[in-house]
Amino acid sequence: MYCKDCGKQISRNAPTCPECGAVYTKTTKRAGTAAVLSFFVPGLGQLYTGRIVEFGFFFFGFLIVTLFTRLTINAGDIECLIGMMLMLICWIWGISDAYKHV
């Protein structure tokens, strides 16, 4: 688990962050659930954990990259390949981010 204030890695059972002293309460959210939600819809895991800005970043970022890829299908192979690689990167990044920040 990572501290929401300073970003340092902390123990899941720690009541406070040893670096910045942020206080944590027990959450009923599960990291696996957030990751699975982001697997099916990019950004949904961030929305599940209450991170609205990150939801917008991942959801709309993936949407824009997908639209870019669809527009470049007839343009050429390299543009389409770049778009697909960006889609894959955004998708995997969203899943791992949702899993890490519960």
PDB file of N, CA and C in Angstrom:
ATOM      1  N   MET A   1       0.850  -1.171   0.000  1.00  0.00           N
ATOM      2  CA  MET A   1       0.000   0.000   0.000  1.00  0.00           C
ATOM      3  C   MET A   1       0.899   1.238   0.000  1.00  0.00           C
ATOM      4  N   TYR A   2       0.413   2.294  -0.628  1.00  0.00           N
ATOM      5  CA  TYR A   2       1.175   3.533  -0.712  1.00  0.00           C
ATOM      6  C   TYR A   2       0.426   4.658  -0.006  1.00  0.00           C
ATOM      7  N   CYS A   3       1.184   5.540   0.638  1.00  0.00           N
ATOM      8  CA  CYS A   3       0.593   6.678   1.335  1.00  0.00           C
ATOM      9  C   CYS A   3      -0.053   7.608   0.317  1.00  0.00           C
ATOM     10  N   LYS A   4      -1.274   8.028   0.608  1.00  0.00           N
ATOM     11  CA  LYS A   4      -1.989   8.919  -0.306  1.00  0.00           C
ATOM     12  C   LYS A   4      -1.444  10.341  -0.265  1.00  0.00           C
ATOM     13  N   ASP A   5      -0.715  10.692   0.801  1.00  0.00           N
ATOM     14  CA  ASP A   5      -0.181  12.048   0.920  1.00  0.00           C
ATOM     15  C   ASP A   5       1.226  12.184   0.338  1.00  0.00           C
ATOM     16  N   CYS A   6       2.138  11.282   0.736  1.00  0.00           N
ATOM     17  CA  CYS A   6       3.530  11.432   0.303  1.00  0.00           C
ATOM     18  C   CYS A   6       3.956  10.396  -0.738  1.00  0.00           C
ATOM     19  N   GLY A   7       3.179   9.323  -0.919  1.00  0.00           N
ATOM     20  CA  GLY A   7       3.485   8.329  -1.934  1.00  0.00           C
ATOM     21  C   GLY A   7       4.456   7.244  -1.518  1.00  0.00           C
ATOM     22  N   LYS A   8       4.927   7.258  -0.284  1.00  0.00           N
ATOM     23  CA  LYS A   8       5.857   6.232   0.185  1.00  0.00           C
ATOM     24  C   LYS A   8       5.111   4.925   0.445  1.00  0.00           C
ATOM     25  N   GLN A   9       5.804   3.801   0.269  1.00  0.00           N
ATOM     26  CA  GLN A   9       5.189   2.499   0.517  1.00  0.00           C
ATOM     27  C   GLN A   9       5.098   2.264   2.024  1.00  0.00           C
ATOM     28  N   ILE A  10       3.914   1.819   2.467  1.00  0.00           N
ATOM     29  CA  ILE A  10       3.698   1.555   3.888  1.00  0.00           C
ATOM     30  C   ILE A  10       3.025   0.196   4.044  1.00  0.00           C
ATOM     31  N   SER A  11       3.037  -0.320   5.233  1.00  0.00           N
ATOM     32  CA  SER A  11       2.384  -1.592   5.536  1.00  0.00           C
ATOM     33  C   SER A  11       0.872  -1.410   5.512  1.00  0.00           C
ATOM     34  N   ARG A  12       0.154  -2.449   5.087  1.00  0.00           N
ATOM     35  CA  ARG A  12      -1.311  -2.378   5.048  1.00  0.00           C
ATOM     36  C   ARG A  12      -1.909  -2.210   6.452  1.00  0.00           C
ATOM     37  N   ASN A  13      -1.220  -2.669   7.464  1.00  0.00           N
ATOM     38  CA  ASN A  13      -1.734  -2.602   8.834  1.00  0.00           C
ATOM     39  C   ASN A  13      -1.289  -1.357   9.588  1.00  0.00           C
ATOM     40  N   ALA A  14      -0.494  -0.514   8.947  1.00  0.00           N
ATOM     41  CA  ALA A  14       0.022   0.672   9.630  1.00  0.00           C
ATOM     42  C   ALA A  14      -1.099   1.696   9.833  1.00  0.00           C
ATOM     43  N   PRO A  15      -1.275   2.188  11.072  1.00  0.00           N
ATOM     44  CA  PRO A  15      -2.314   3.196  11.306  1.00  0.00           C
ATOM     45  C   PRO A  15      -1.907   4.572  10.789  1.00  0.00           C
ATOM     46  N   THR A  16      -0.593   4.823  10.689  1.00  0.00           N
ATOM     47  CA  THR A  16      -0.094   6.100  10.176  1.00  0.00           C
ATOM     48  C   THR A  16       1.077   5.843   9.236  1.00  0.00           C
ATOM     49  N   CYS A  17       1.361   6.819   8.404  1.00  0.00           N
ATOM     50  CA  CYS A  17       2.516   6.743   7.506  1.00  0.00           C
ATOM     51  C   CYS A  17       3.766   7.096   8.316  1.00  0.00           C
ATOM     52  N   PRO A  18       4.812   6.272   8.267  1.00  0.00           N
ATOM     53  CA  PRO A  18       6.025   6.589   9.024  1.00  0.00           C
ATOM     54  C   PRO A  18       6.775   7.804   8.474  1.00  0.00           C
ATOM     55  N   GLU A  19       6.550   8.167   7.223  1.00  0.00           N
ATOM     56  CA  GLU A  19       7.245   9.299   6.611  1.00  0.00           C
ATOM     57  C   GLU A  19       6.580  10.635   6.932  1.00  0.00           C
ATOM     58  N   CYS A  20       5.264  10.727   6.653  1.00  0.00           N
ATOM     59  CA  CYS A  20       4.595  12.025   6.793  1.00  0.00           C
ATOM     60  C   CYS A  20       3.600  12.073   7.946  1.00  0.00           C
ATOM     61  N   GLY A  21       3.262  10.916   8.539  1.00  0.00           N
ATOM     62  CA  GLY A  21       2.361  10.890   9.686  1.00  0.00           C
ATOM     63  C   GLY A  21       0.881  10.897   9.339  1.00  0.00           C
ATOM     64  N   ALA A  22       0.536  10.695   8.063  1.00  0.00           N
ATOM     65  CA  ALA A  22      -0.872  10.673   7.670  1.00  0.00           C
ATOM     66  C   ALA A  22      -1.585   9.525   8.361  1.00  0.00           C
ATOM     67  N   VAL A  23      -2.787   9.785   8.858  1.00  0.00           N
ATOM     68  CA  VAL A  23      -3.564   8.786   9.591  1.00  0.00           C
ATOM     69  C   VAL A  23      -4.450   8.026   8.604  1.00  0.00           C
ATOM     70  N   TYR A  24      -4.506   6.694   8.778  1.00  0.00           N
ATOM     71  CA  TYR A  24      -5.311   5.843   7.914  1.00  0.00           C
ATOM     72  C   TYR A  24      -6.338   5.092   8.730  1.00  0.00           C
ATOM     73  N   THR A  25      -7.521   4.998   8.168  1.00  0.00           N
ATOM     74  CA  THR A  25      -8.569   4.186   8.777  1.00  0.00           C
ATOM     75  C   THR A  25      -8.710   2.917   7.953  1.00  0.00           C
ATOM     76  N   LYS A  26      -9.257   1.891   8.560  1.00  0.00           N
ATOM     77  CA  LYS A  26      -9.464   0.633   7.850  1.00  0.00           C
ATOM     78  C   LYS A  26     -10.440   0.864   6.710  1.00  0.00           C
ATOM     79  N   THR A  27     -10.124   0.304   5.559  1.00  0.00           N
ATOM     80  CA  THR A  27     -11.010   0.422   4.407  1.00  0.00           C
ATOM     81  C   THR A  27     -11.577  -0.945   4.051  1.00  0.00           C
ATOM     82  N   THR A  28     -12.765  -0.947   3.549  1.00  0.00           N
ATOM     83  CA  THR A  28     -13.381  -2.201   3.128  1.00  0.00           C
ATOM     84  C   THR A  28     -13.152  -2.443   1.641  1.00  0.00           C
ATOM     85  N   LYS A  29     -12.470  -1.538   0.974  1.00  0.00           N
ATOM     86  CA  LYS A  29     -12.165  -1.686  -0.446  1.00  0.00           C
ATOM     87  C   LYS A  29     -11.067  -2.734  -0.617  1.00  0.00           C
ATOM     88  N   ARG A  30     -11.155  -3.494  -1.669  1.00  0.00           N
ATOM     89  CA  ARG A  30     -10.179  -4.541  -1.944  1.00  0.00           C
ATOM     90  C   ARG A  30      -9.396  -4.206  -3.212  1.00  0.00           C
ATOM     91  N   ALA A  31      -8.085  -4.433  -3.153  1.00  0.00           N
ATOM     92  CA  ALA A  31      -7.208  -4.118  -4.275  1.00  0.00           C
ATOM     93  C   ALA A  31      -7.546  -4.977  -5.486  1.00  0.00           C
ATOM     94  N   GLY A  32      -7.852  -6.244  -5.264  1.00  0.00           N
ATOM     95  CA  GLY A  32      -8.183  -7.135  -6.366  1.00  0.00           C
ATOM     96  C   GLY A  32      -9.440  -6.692  -7.102  1.00  0.00           C
ATOM     97  N   THR A  33     -10.431  -6.240  -6.352  1.00  0.00           N
ATOM     98  CA  THR A  33     -11.668  -5.763  -6.965  1.00  0.00           C
ATOM     99  C   THR A  33     -11.394  -4.533  -7.823  1.00  0.00           C
ATOM    100  N   ALA A  34     -10.588  -3.620  -7.303  1.00  0.00           N
ATOM    101  CA  ALA A  34     -10.244  -2.412  -8.067  1.00  0.00           C
ATOM    102  C   ALA A  34      -9.513  -2.778  -9.359  1.00  0.00           C
ATOM    103  N   ALA A  35      -8.603  -3.753  -9.290  1.00  0.00           N
ATOM    104  CA  ALA A  35      -7.851  -4.161 -10.479  1.00  0.00           C
ATOM    105  C   ALA A  35      -8.772  -4.817 -11.514  1.00  0.00           C
ATOM    106  N   VAL A  36      -9.681  -5.659 -11.052  1.00  0.00           N
ATOM    107  CA  VAL A  36     -10.603  -6.327 -11.979  1.00  0.00           C
ATOM    108  C   VAL A  36     -11.529  -5.307 -12.640  1.00  0.00           C
ATOM    109  N   LEU A  37     -12.003  -4.346 -11.876  1.00  0.00           N
ATOM    110  CA  LEU A  37     -12.854  -3.306 -12.459  1.00  0.00           C
ATOM    111  C   LEU A  37     -12.103  -2.518 -13.528  1.00  0.00           C
ATOM    112  N   SER A  38     -10.843  -2.201 -13.261  1.00  0.00           N
ATOM    113  CA  SER A  38     -10.042  -1.476 -14.252  1.00  0.00           C
ATOM    114  C   SER A  38      -9.676  -2.352 -15.442  1.00  0.00           C
ATOM    115  N   PHE A  39      -9.674  -3.664 -15.247  1.00  0.00           N
ATOM    116  CA  PHE A  39      -9.434  -4.575 -16.362  1.00  0.00           C
ATOM    117  C   PHE A  39     -10.561  -4.467 -17.390  1.00  0.00           C
ATOM    118  N   PHE A  40     -11.793  -4.384 -16.908  1.00  0.00           N
ATOM    119  CA  PHE A  40     -12.938  -4.339 -17.817  1.00  0.00           C
ATOM    120  C   PHE A  40     -13.221  -2.931 -18.351  1.00  0.00           C
ATOM    121  N   VAL A  41     -13.087  -1.919 -17.504  1.00  0.00           N
ATOM    122  CA  VAL A  41     -13.290  -0.527 -17.931  1.00  0.00           C
ATOM    123  C   VAL A  41     -12.148   0.303 -17.352  1.00  0.00           C
ATOM    124  N   PRO A  42     -11.250   0.801 -18.203  1.00  0.00           N
ATOM    125  CA  PRO A  42     -10.129   1.590 -17.686  1.00  0.00           C
ATOM    126  C   PRO A  42     -10.624   2.770 -16.845  1.00  0.00           C
ATOM    127  N   GLY A  43     -10.098   2.880 -15.634  1.00  0.00           N
ATOM    128  CA  GLY A  43     -10.469   3.963 -14.730  1.00  0.00           C
ATOM    129  C   GLY A  43     -11.529   3.588 -13.716  1.00  0.00           C
ATOM    130  N   LEU A  44     -12.255   2.504 -13.944  1.00  0.00           N
ATOM    131  CA  LEU A  44     -13.330   2.132 -13.031  1.00  0.00           C
ATOM    132  C   LEU A  44     -12.798   1.728 -11.655  1.00  0.00           C
ATOM    133  N   GLY A  45     -11.617   1.144 -11.606  1.00  0.00           N
ATOM    134  CA  GLY A  45     -11.000   0.799 -10.321  1.00  0.00           C
ATOM    135  C   GLY A  45     -10.661   2.047  -9.513  1.00  0.00           C
ATOM    136  N   GLN A  46     -10.239   3.099 -10.191  1.00  0.00           N
ATOM    137  CA  GLN A  46      -9.955   4.360  -9.512  1.00  0.00           C
ATOM    138  C   GLN A  46     -11.246   4.975  -8.985  1.00  0.00           C
ATOM    139  N   LEU A  47     -12.315   4.874  -9.744  1.00  0.00           N
ATOM    140  CA  LEU A  47     -13.614   5.373  -9.290  1.00  0.00           C
ATOM    141  C   LEU A  47     -14.104   4.579  -8.082  1.00  0.00           C
ATOM    142  N   TYR A  48     -13.891   3.272  -8.081  1.00  0.00           N
ATOM    143  CA  TYR A  48     -14.258   2.396  -6.963  1.00  0.00           C
ATOM    144  C   TYR A  48     -13.550   2.806  -5.677  1.00  0.00           C
ATOM    145  N   THR A  49     -12.298   3.241  -5.794  1.00  0.00           N
ATOM    146  CA  THR A  49     -11.535   3.637  -4.606  1.00  0.00           C
ATOM    147  C   THR A  49     -11.722   5.105  -4.246  1.00  0.00           C
ATOM    148  N   GLY A  50     -12.562   5.822  -5.002  1.00  0.00           N
ATOM    149  CA  GLY A  50     -12.871   7.201  -4.662  1.00  0.00           C
ATOM    150  C   GLY A  50     -11.911   8.224  -5.221  1.00  0.00           C
ATOM    151  N   ARG A  51     -11.120   7.851  -6.203  1.00  0.00           N
ATOM    152  CA  ARG A  51     -10.146   8.770  -6.798  1.00  0.00           C
ATOM    153  C   ARG A  51     -10.710   9.265  -8.130  1.00  0.00           C
ATOM    154  N   ILE A  52     -11.511  10.328  -8.056  1.00  0.00           N
ATOM    155  CA  ILE A  52     -12.268  10.827  -9.197  1.00  0.00           C
ATOM    156  C   ILE A  52     -11.350  11.414 -10.276  1.00  0.00           C
ATOM    157  N   VAL A  53     -10.359  12.178  -9.900  1.00  0.00           N
ATOM    158  CA  VAL A  53      -9.455  12.800 -10.886  1.00  0.00           C
ATOM    159  C   VAL A  53      -8.705  11.721 -11.660  1.00  0.00           C
ATOM    160  N   GLU A  54      -8.218  10.705 -10.947  1.00  0.00           N
ATOM    161  CA  GLU A  54      -7.497   9.626 -11.605  1.00  0.00           C
ATOM    162  C   GLU A  54      -8.424   8.832 -12.518  1.00  0.00           C
ATOM    163  N   PHE A  55      -9.685   8.678 -12.111  1.00  0.00           N
ATOM    164  CA  PHE A  55     -10.665   8.021 -12.980  1.00  0.00           C
ATOM    165  C   PHE A  55     -10.758   8.761 -14.310  1.00  0.00           C
ATOM    166  N   GLY A  56     -10.894  10.080 -14.242  1.00  0.00           N
ATOM    167  CA  GLY A  56     -10.987  10.878 -15.464  1.00  0.00           C
ATOM    168  C   GLY A  56      -9.742  10.749 -16.317  1.00  0.00           C
ATOM    169  N   PHE A  57      -8.582  10.750 -15.664  1.00  0.00           N
ATOM    170  CA  PHE A  57      -7.316  10.632 -16.394  1.00  0.00           C
ATOM    171  C   PHE A  57      -7.249   9.315 -17.159  1.00  0.00           C
ATOM    172  N   PHE A  58      -7.515   8.200 -16.481  1.00  0.00           N
ATOM    173  CA  PHE A  58      -7.400   6.893 -17.126  1.00  0.00           C
ATOM    174  C   PHE A  58      -8.528   6.634 -18.122  1.00  0.00           C
ATOM    175  N   PHE A  59      -9.756   6.976 -17.766  1.00  0.00           N
ATOM    176  CA  PHE A  59     -10.890   6.709 -18.643  1.00  0.00           C
ATOM    177  C   PHE A  59     -10.806   7.542 -19.921  1.00  0.00           C
ATOM    178  N   PHE A  60     -10.664   8.851 -19.774  1.00  0.00           N
ATOM    179  CA  PHE A  60     -10.631   9.716 -20.952  1.00  0.00           C
ATOM    180  C   PHE A  60      -9.318   9.597 -21.715  1.00  0.00           C
ATOM    181  N   GLY A  61      -8.230   9.321 -21.003  1.00  0.00           N
ATOM    182  CA  GLY A  61      -6.959   9.079 -21.689  1.00  0.00           C
ATOM    183  C   GLY A  61      -7.038   7.851 -22.575  1.00  0.00           C
ATOM    184  N   PHE A  62      -7.613   6.772 -22.050  1.00  0.00           N
ATOM    185  CA  PHE A  62      -7.776   5.551 -22.839  1.00  0.00           C
ATOM    186  C   PHE A  62      -8.724   5.799 -24.006  1.00  0.00           C
ATOM    187  N   LEU A  63      -9.779   6.558 -23.766  1.00  0.00           N
ATOM    188  CA  LEU A  63     -10.742   6.873 -24.814  1.00  0.00           C
ATOM    189  C   LEU A  63     -10.087   7.667 -25.950  1.00  0.00           C
ATOM    190  N   ILE A  64      -9.284   8.650 -25.606  1.00  0.00           N
ATOM    191  CA  ILE A  64      -8.599   9.472 -26.617  1.00  0.00           C
ATOM    192  C   ILE A  64      -7.606   8.628 -27.411  1.00  0.00           C
ATOM    193  N   VAL A  65      -6.843   7.785 -26.719  1.00  0.00           N
ATOM    194  CA  VAL A  65      -5.879   6.929 -27.420  1.00  0.00           C
ATOM    195  C   VAL A  65      -6.609   5.939 -28.332  1.00  0.00           C
ATOM    196  N   THR A  66      -7.743   5.419 -27.877  1.00  0.00           N
ATOM    197  CA  THR A  66      -8.523   4.496 -28.703  1.00  0.00           C
ATOM    198  C   THR A  66      -9.049   5.199 -29.953  1.00  0.00           C
ATOM    199  N   LEU A  67      -9.557   6.417 -29.790  1.00  0.00           N
ATOM    200  CA  LEU A  67     -10.036   7.172 -30.949  1.00  0.00           C
ATOM    201  C   LEU A  67      -8.896   7.479 -31.922  1.00  0.00           C
ATOM    202  N   PHE A  68      -7.735   7.828 -31.382  1.00  0.00           N
ATOM    203  CA  PHE A  68      -6.557   8.066 -32.217  1.00  0.00           C
ATOM    204  C   PHE A  68      -6.214   6.819 -33.019  1.00  0.00           C
ATOM    205  N   THR A  69      -6.257   5.661 -32.377  1.00  0.00           N
ATOM    206  CA  THR A  69      -5.929   4.413 -33.045  1.00  0.00           C
ATOM    207  C   THR A  69      -6.941   4.106 -34.144  1.00  0.00           C
ATOM    208  N   ARG A  70      -8.215   4.323 -33.865  1.00  0.00           N
ATOM    209  CA  ARG A  70      -9.254   4.069 -34.874  1.00  0.00           C
ATOM    210  C   ARG A  70      -9.089   4.998 -36.072  1.00  0.00           C
ATOM    211  N   LEU A  71      -8.683   6.226 -35.844  1.00  0.00           N
ATOM    212  CA  LEU A  71      -8.506   7.175 -36.937  1.00  0.00           C
ATOM    213  C   LEU A  71      -7.275   6.873 -37.782  1.00  0.00           C
ATOM    214  N   THR A  72      -6.297   6.186 -37.204  1.00  0.00           N
ATOM    215  CA  THR A  72      -5.051   5.919 -37.926  1.00  0.00           C
ATOM    216  C   THR A  72      -5.019   4.542 -38.569  1.00  0.00           C
ATOM    217  N   ILE A  73      -6.111   3.795 -38.512  1.00  0.00           N
ATOM    218  CA  ILE A  73      -6.099   2.457 -39.100  1.00  0.00           C
ATOM    219  C   ILE A  73      -5.803   2.523 -40.597  1.00  0.00           C
ATOM    220  N   ASN A  74      -6.381   3.472 -41.300  1.00  0.00           N
ATOM    221  CA  ASN A  74      -6.150   3.592 -42.735  1.00  0.00           C
ATOM    222  C   ASN A  74      -4.918   4.434 -43.073  1.00  0.00           C
ATOM    223  N   ALA A  75      -4.350   5.093 -42.082  1.00  0.00           N
ATOM    224  CA  ALA A  75      -3.203   5.979 -42.344  1.00  0.00           C
ATOM    225  C   ALA A  75      -1.929   5.189 -42.611  1.00  0.00           C
ATOM    226  N   GLY A  76      -1.712   4.138 -41.888  1.00  0.00           N
ATOM    227  CA  GLY A  76      -0.501   3.356 -42.083  1.00  0.00           C
ATOM    228  C   GLY A  76      -0.281   2.403 -40.929  1.00  0.00           C
ATOM    229  N   ASP A  77       0.616   1.479 -41.155  1.00  0.00           N
ATOM    230  CA  ASP A  77       0.860   0.450 -40.155  1.00  0.00           C
ATOM    231  C   ASP A  77       1.533   0.988 -38.900  1.00  0.00           C
ATOM    232  N   ILE A  78       2.512   1.867 -39.059  1.00  0.00           N
ATOM    233  CA  ILE A  78       3.265   2.335 -37.892  1.00  0.00           C
ATOM    234  C   ILE A  78       2.404   3.184 -36.968  1.00  0.00           C
ATOM    235  N   GLU A  79       1.532   4.019 -37.529  1.00  0.00           N
ATOM    236  CA  GLU A  79       0.658   4.839 -36.691  1.00  0.00           C
ATOM    237  C   GLU A  79      -0.320   3.972 -35.904  1.00  0.00           C
ATOM    238  N   CYS A  80      -0.849   2.966 -36.560  1.00  0.00           N
ATOM    239  CA  CYS A  80      -1.786   2.053 -35.903  1.00  0.00           C
ATOM    240  C   CYS A  80      -1.066   1.262 -34.804  1.00  0.00           C
ATOM    241  N   LEU A  81       0.153   0.823 -35.081  1.00  0.00           N
ATOM    242  CA  LEU A  81       0.926   0.072 -34.091  1.00  0.00           C
ATOM    243  C   LEU A  81       1.245   0.941 -32.876  1.00  0.00           C
ATOM    244  N   ILE A  82       1.595   2.197 -33.109  1.00  0.00           N
ATOM    245  CA  ILE A  82       1.867   3.118 -32.002  1.00  0.00           C
ATOM    246  C   ILE A  82       0.619   3.303 -31.156  1.00  0.00           C
ATOM    247  N   GLY A  83      -0.524   3.476 -31.802  1.00  0.00           N
ATOM    248  CA  GLY A  83      -1.778   3.632 -31.078  1.00  0.00           C
ATOM    249  C   GLY A  83      -2.120   2.413 -30.245  1.00  0.00           C
ATOM    250  N   MET A  84      -1.924   1.225 -30.805  1.00  0.00           N
ATOM    251  CA  MET A  84      -2.207  -0.004 -30.057  1.00  0.00           C
ATOM    252  C   MET A  84      -1.273  -0.167 -28.860  1.00  0.00           C
ATOM    253  N   MET A  85      -0.014   0.204 -29.053  1.00  0.00           N
ATOM    254  CA  MET A  85       0.939   0.122 -27.927  1.00  0.00           C
ATOM    255  C   MET A  85       0.551   1.110 -26.829  1.00  0.00           C
ATOM    256  N   LEU A  86       0.122   2.314 -27.208  1.00  0.00           N
ATOM    257  CA  LEU A  86      -0.323   3.299 -26.219  1.00  0.00           C
ATOM    258  C   LEU A  86      -1.575   2.816 -25.485  1.00  0.00           C
ATOM    259  N   MET A  87      -2.479   2.175 -26.212  1.00  0.00           N
ATOM    260  CA  MET A  87      -3.681   1.621 -25.575  1.00  0.00           C
ATOM    261  C   MET A  87      -3.300   0.573 -24.530  1.00  0.00           C
ATOM    262  N   LEU A  88      -2.387  -0.314 -24.907  1.00  0.00           N
ATOM    263  CA  LEU A  88      -1.942  -1.371 -23.997  1.00  0.00           C
ATOM    264  C   LEU A  88      -1.261  -0.783 -22.763  1.00  0.00           C
ATOM    265  N   ILE A  89      -0.419   0.226 -22.969  1.00  0.00           N
ATOM    266  CA  ILE A  89       0.270   0.871 -21.849  1.00  0.00           C
ATOM    267  C   ILE A  89      -0.730   1.540 -20.909  1.00  0.00           C
ATOM    268  N   CYS A  90      -1.682   2.288 -21.465  1.00  0.00           N
ATOM    269  CA  CYS A  90      -2.703   2.949 -20.632  1.00  0.00           C
ATOM    270  C   CYS A  90      -3.530   1.936 -19.858  1.00  0.00           C
ATOM    271  N   TRP A  91      -3.896   0.856 -20.509  1.00  0.00           N
ATOM    272  CA  TRP A  91      -4.731  -0.174 -19.889  1.00  0.00           C
ATOM    273  C   TRP A  91      -4.003  -0.848 -18.724  1.00  0.00           C
ATOM    274  N   ILE A  92      -2.767  -1.285 -18.957  1.00  0.00           N
ATOM    275  CA  ILE A  92      -1.996  -1.957 -17.899  1.00  0.00           C
ATOM    276  C   ILE A  92      -1.660  -0.985 -16.777  1.00  0.00           C
ATOM    277  N   TRP A  93      -1.321   0.238 -17.110  1.00  0.00           N
ATOM    278  CA  TRP A  93      -1.021   1.256 -16.094  1.00  0.00           C
ATOM    279  C   TRP A  93      -2.238   1.494 -15.209  1.00  0.00           C
ATOM    280  N   GLY A  94      -3.417   1.582 -15.806  1.00  0.00           N
ATOM    281  CA  GLY A  94      -4.644   1.784 -15.036  1.00  0.00           C
ATOM    282  C   GLY A  94      -4.934   0.635 -14.080  1.00  0.00           C
ATOM    283  N   ILE A  95      -4.708  -0.596 -14.540  1.00  0.00           N
ATOM    284  CA  ILE A  95      -4.928  -1.767 -13.679  1.00  0.00           C
ATOM    285  C   ILE A  95      -3.962  -1.758 -12.508  1.00  0.00           C
ATOM    286  N   SER A  96      -2.684  -1.523 -12.778  1.00  0.00           N
ATOM    287  CA  SER A  96      -1.694  -1.548 -11.697  1.00  0.00           C
ATOM    288  C   SER A  96      -1.896  -0.373 -10.732  1.00  0.00           C
ATOM    289  N   ASP A  97      -2.285   0.777 -11.252  1.00  0.00           N
ATOM    290  CA  ASP A  97      -2.541   1.928 -10.396  1.00  0.00           C
ATOM    291  C   ASP A  97      -3.739   1.674  -9.467  1.00  0.00           C
ATOM    292  N   ALA A  98      -4.784   1.069 -10.007  1.00  0.00           N
ATOM    293  CA  ALA A  98      -5.960   0.764  -9.181  1.00  0.00           C
ATOM    294  C   ALA A  98      -5.594  -0.237  -8.089  1.00  0.00           C
ATOM    295  N   TYR A  99      -4.746  -1.212  -8.416  1.00  0.00           N
ATOM    296  CA  TYR A  99      -4.348  -2.220  -7.438  1.00  0.00           C
ATOM    297  C   TYR A  99      -3.477  -1.618  -6.337  1.00  0.00           C
ATOM    298  N   LYS A 100      -2.565  -0.718  -6.718  1.00  0.00           N
ATOM    299  CA  LYS A 100      -1.616  -0.151  -5.749  1.00  0.00           C
ATOM    300  C   LYS A 100      -2.245   0.828  -4.772  1.00  0.00           C
ATOM    301  N   HIS A 101      -3.249   1.551  -5.197  1.00  0.00           N
ATOM    302  CA  HIS A 101      -3.736   2.676  -4.394  1.00  0.00           C
ATOM    303  C   HIS A 101      -5.047   2.411  -3.663  1.00  0.00           C
ATOM    304  N   VAL A 102      -5.217   1.210  -3.159  1.00  0.00           N
ATOM    305  CA  VAL A 102      -6.411   0.926  -2.338  1.00  0.00           C
ATOM    306  C   VAL A 102      -6.058   1.169  -0.898  1.00  0.00           C
TER     307      VAL A 102
END
